[in-house]
Amino acid sequence: MALSPPLPAPSCSPCTGESETKRQQILTGASAVFAEHGYEGASMSAIARQAAVSKGTLYNYFTNKADLFAAFVEQCCREKLPVALAPVQEDSPARETLTAVARAMVRLITQPDSLMLYRIIVSEAPRFPQLGAVFWENGPRVAIATLANWIREQEALGTLRTEDPVFAAEQFFALCQTRIAHLRRFNLNPENSAEEEEKVIHAAVRVFMAAYGAE
């Protein structure tokens, strides 16, 4: 099953060979600056310094900070989401597939990079709503569409039954964010973290199957 495509990457100079290396250098620098200063506090000058490139070079690749942030978000999603959603492409029983997806998603959303990105989006979205749109289109929308397609396939096989596959997918991902994700977004760590992680994973699958399992 092919993943639903995120938004096209912001335009930049041809990204091949040395050009692609330079672009990645800029994105790495931007990641560090965004993590430390957020979106509004980050400047193109600071990003250029962190990436060890001139401002002229920076603007050759990205016309403004919004384009650069969009590319940063897209890269994060392109690198991480396919791995987390890979289990839906395997021919495994529904409960086993959901368990694998839940485990991958719990670990993905609690990674330091993911937590940093989430905090930036939440804190800056009221002033810069386009940031929320970029993140939604490249991250949650892709994940929800991919899982919803898998749910439709399972319905055709008779293993699941839902009235709205997209809504069911949204519910499943919401279940995966219980307890551990909430605590870590507030920079808190649950006791017995590994044990709590397994509890969240298996509870998410159990609740989902109780609601939508055809049996």
Protein backbone atom coordinates (compact mmCIF):
# COMPACT_ATOMS: atom_id res chain seq x y z
CA MET A 1 0.00 0.00 0.00
CA ALA A 2 1.50 3.32 -1.03
CA LEU A 3 1.55 6.09 1.55
CA SER A 4 -0.60 9.11 0.77
CA PRO A 5 1.77 11.80 -0.54
CA PRO A 6 2.53 14.84 1.60
CA LEU A 7 2.63 18.33 0.15
CA PRO A 8 5.29 18.99 -2.50
CA ALA A 9 8.60 20.23 -1.17
CA PRO A 10 9.19 23.98 -1.29
CA SER A 11 11.09 24.99 -4.38
CA CYS A 12 14.85 25.30 -4.24
CA SER A 13 17.81 25.10 -6.54
CA PRO A 14 18.41 21.69 -8.16
CA CYS A 15 19.03 19.29 -5.28
CA THR A 16 21.56 16.90 -6.74
CA GLY A 17 25.10 16.08 -5.66
CA GLU A 18 26.79 18.98 -3.93
CA SER A 19 23.58 21.01 -4.06
CA GLU A 20 21.66 18.37 -2.10
CA THR A 21 24.48 18.15 0.43
CA LYS A 22 24.35 21.91 0.97
CA ARG A 23 20.56 21.82 1.33
CA GLN A 24 20.83 19.12 3.97
CA GLN A 25 23.49 21.15 5.76
CA ILE A 26 21.05 24.07 5.93
CA LEU A 27 18.21 21.88 7.20
CA THR A 28 20.45 20.44 9.91
CA GLY A 29 21.38 23.92 11.03
CA ALA A 30 17.74 25.02 10.94
CA SER A 31 16.73 22.09 13.13
CA ALA A 32 19.13 23.20 15.86
CA VAL A 33 17.98 26.82 15.71
CA PHE A 34 14.27 25.97 15.67
CA ALA A 35 14.79 23.63 18.62
CA GLU A 36 16.48 26.35 20.67
CA HIS A 37 14.49 29.42 19.68
CA GLY A 38 11.18 28.20 18.26
CA TYR A 39 9.86 29.50 14.97
CA GLU A 40 9.38 33.18 15.74
CA GLY A 41 12.68 33.44 17.63
CA ALA A 42 14.68 31.82 14.84
CA SER A 43 16.22 34.15 12.29
CA MET A 44 17.62 33.40 8.88
CA SER A 45 20.91 34.95 10.03
CA ALA A 46 21.13 32.57 12.98
CA ILE A 47 20.28 29.62 10.75
CA ALA A 48 22.97 30.63 8.25
CA ARG A 49 25.54 30.84 11.05
CA GLN A 50 24.51 27.49 12.52
CA ALA A 51 24.63 25.86 9.08
CA ALA A 52 27.97 27.52 8.27
CA VAL A 53 26.72 29.04 5.03
CA SER A 54 26.32 32.61 3.85
CA LYS A 55 22.91 34.26 3.89
CA GLY A 56 23.15 34.47 0.12
CA THR A 57 23.55 30.70 -0.09
CA LEU A 58 20.68 30.22 2.34
CA TYR A 59 18.35 32.34 0.24
CA ASN A 60 19.41 30.50 -2.90
CA TYR A 61 17.76 27.43 -1.40
CA PHE A 62 14.88 28.90 0.60
CA THR A 63 13.15 32.17 -0.17
CA ASN A 64 12.07 32.81 3.44
CA LYS A 65 11.81 31.26 6.89
CA ALA A 66 8.36 29.80 6.21
CA ASP A 67 9.70 27.87 3.20
CA LEU A 68 12.63 26.63 5.26
CA PHE A 69 10.41 25.48 8.12
CA ALA A 70 8.08 23.72 5.67
CA ALA A 71 11.05 21.84 4.21
CA PHE A 72 12.22 20.94 7.71
CA VAL A 73 8.81 19.57 8.64
CA GLU A 74 8.48 17.67 5.38
CA GLN A 75 11.89 16.07 5.80
CA CYS A 76 11.07 14.95 9.35
CA CYS A 77 7.83 13.37 8.17
CA ARG A 78 9.33 11.73 5.08
CA GLU A 79 12.09 10.15 7.16
CA LYS A 80 9.97 8.92 10.04
CA LEU A 81 6.41 8.19 8.91
CA PRO A 82 7.11 5.46 6.33
CA VAL A 83 8.98 3.45 8.98
CA ALA A 84 6.19 3.87 11.53
CA LEU A 85 3.48 2.93 9.03
CA ALA A 86 5.36 0.08 7.34
CA PRO A 87 3.38 -2.66 9.19
CA VAL A 88 0.21 -1.83 7.21
CA GLN A 89 1.97 -3.05 4.08
CA GLU A 90 2.54 -6.51 5.55
CA ASP A 91 0.09 -9.37 5.28
CA SER A 92 -0.36 -9.91 9.01
CA PRO A 93 -3.47 -10.39 11.16
CA ALA A 94 -5.26 -7.14 12.01
CA ARG A 95 -4.45 -7.22 15.72
CA GLU A 96 -0.78 -7.90 15.03
CA THR A 97 -0.60 -5.07 12.49
CA LEU A 98 -2.26 -2.61 14.83
CA THR A 99 0.09 -3.58 17.65
CA ALA A 100 3.10 -2.95 15.44
CA VAL A 101 1.74 0.41 14.28
CA ALA A 102 0.90 1.45 17.83
CA ARG A 103 4.37 0.55 19.06
CA ALA A 104 6.00 2.47 16.21
CA MET A 105 3.78 5.51 16.69
CA VAL A 106 4.22 5.69 20.48
CA ARG A 107 7.98 5.62 20.01
CA LEU A 108 7.87 8.12 17.14
CA ILE A 109 5.80 10.78 18.89
CA THR A 110 7.93 10.56 22.04
CA GLN A 111 11.27 11.00 20.27
CA PRO A 112 13.08 14.26 21.16
CA ASP A 113 12.79 15.59 17.58
CA SER A 114 9.07 14.86 17.47
CA LEU A 115 8.48 16.47 20.85
CA MET A 116 10.42 19.54 19.77
CA LEU A 117 8.40 19.87 16.57
CA TYR A 118 5.10 19.39 18.39
CA ARG A 119 5.95 22.10 20.92
CA ILE A 120 6.90 24.55 18.19
CA ILE A 121 3.65 23.95 16.30
CA VAL A 122 1.46 24.29 19.40
CA SER A 123 3.19 27.42 20.68
CA GLU A 124 3.43 29.23 17.34
CA ALA A 125 0.25 28.16 15.52
CA PRO A 126 -1.98 30.94 16.95
CA ARG A 127 0.35 33.57 15.43
CA PHE A 128 1.49 31.55 12.43
CA PRO A 129 -1.41 29.27 11.44
CA GLN A 130 0.40 28.17 8.30
CA LEU A 131 2.81 26.20 10.52
CA GLY A 132 -0.02 24.03 11.77
CA ALA A 133 -1.24 23.49 8.21
CA VAL A 134 2.21 22.43 6.99
CA PHE A 135 2.62 19.97 9.86
CA TRP A 136 -0.90 18.56 9.48
CA GLU A 137 -0.60 18.00 5.74
CA ASN A 138 2.79 16.31 5.93
CA GLY A 139 2.33 14.38 9.16
CA PRO A 140 -1.05 13.52 10.71
CA ARG A 141 -3.00 13.70 7.44
CA VAL A 142 -0.66 11.22 5.77
CA ALA A 143 -0.74 8.86 8.75
CA ILE A 144 -4.53 8.99 9.04
CA ALA A 145 -5.07 8.47 5.30
CA THR A 146 -2.67 5.52 5.24
CA LEU A 147 -4.28 3.77 8.20
CA ALA A 148 -7.77 4.54 6.87
CA ASN A 149 -6.89 2.82 3.57
CA TRP A 150 -5.70 -0.22 5.51
CA ILE A 151 -8.93 -0.22 7.53
CA ARG A 152 -10.94 -0.22 4.29
CA GLU A 153 -8.96 -3.26 3.13
CA GLN A 154 -9.68 -5.01 6.42
CA GLU A 155 -13.37 -4.23 6.06
CA ALA A 156 -13.34 -5.86 2.64
CA LEU A 157 -11.76 -8.92 4.27
CA GLY A 158 -14.39 -8.93 7.01
CA THR A 159 -12.00 -8.38 9.93
CA LEU A 160 -13.07 -4.82 10.78
CA ARG A 161 -16.34 -2.94 10.56
CA THR A 162 -16.53 0.86 10.85
CA GLU A 163 -18.92 3.56 9.72
CA ASP A 164 -16.08 5.97 8.96
CA PRO A 165 -12.56 4.57 8.36
CA VAL A 166 -10.96 8.01 8.56
CA PHE A 167 -12.56 8.73 11.92
CA ALA A 168 -11.57 5.27 13.17
CA ALA A 169 -7.97 5.94 12.14
CA GLU A 170 -8.03 9.26 13.98
CA GLN A 171 -9.31 7.51 17.09
CA PHE A 172 -6.57 4.89 16.93
CA PHE A 173 -3.82 7.48 16.77
CA ALA A 174 -5.47 9.39 19.63
CA LEU A 175 -5.34 6.22 21.73
CA CYS A 176 -1.62 5.92 20.99
CA GLN A 177 -1.06 9.35 22.56
CA THR A 178 -2.44 8.38 25.96
CA ARG A 179 -0.37 9.06 29.08
CA ILE A 180 3.24 8.77 27.87
CA ALA A 181 3.00 11.27 25.01
CA HIS A 182 1.09 13.77 27.15
CA LEU A 183 3.58 13.57 30.00
CA ARG A 184 6.63 13.89 27.78
CA ARG A 185 5.18 16.85 25.92
CA PHE A 186 5.19 18.57 29.30
CA ASN A 187 8.77 17.40 29.87
CA LEU A 188 7.66 14.81 32.42
CA ASN A 189 8.60 11.15 32.42
CA PRO A 190 6.25 8.41 33.62
CA GLU A 191 7.48 5.90 36.17
CA ASN A 192 8.26 2.47 34.74
CA SER A 193 8.41 4.00 31.26
CA ALA A 194 8.90 0.76 29.33
CA GLU A 195 6.06 -0.94 31.19
CA GLU A 196 3.75 2.04 30.65
CA GLU A 197 4.63 2.10 26.96
CA GLU A 198 3.51 -1.51 26.53
CA LYS A 199 0.36 -0.76 28.49
CA VAL A 200 -0.53 2.10 26.14
CA ILE A 201 0.23 0.02 23.04
CA HIS A 202 -1.85 -3.00 23.97
CA ALA A 203 -4.68 -0.96 25.45
CA ALA A 204 -4.95 1.07 22.24
CA VAL A 205 -5.28 -2.10 20.18
CA ARG A 206 -7.69 -3.72 22.63
CA VAL A 207 -10.02 -0.72 22.72
CA PHE A 208 -9.90 -0.30 18.94
CA MET A 209 -10.67 -3.95 18.27
CA ALA A 210 -13.47 -3.94 20.85
CA ALA A 211 -15.05 -1.04 18.97
CA TYR A 212 -14.41 -2.13 15.39
CA GLY A 213 -13.45 -5.79 15.32
CA ALA A 214 -15.97 -7.66 13.13
CA GLU A 215 -15.92 -10.72 15.32
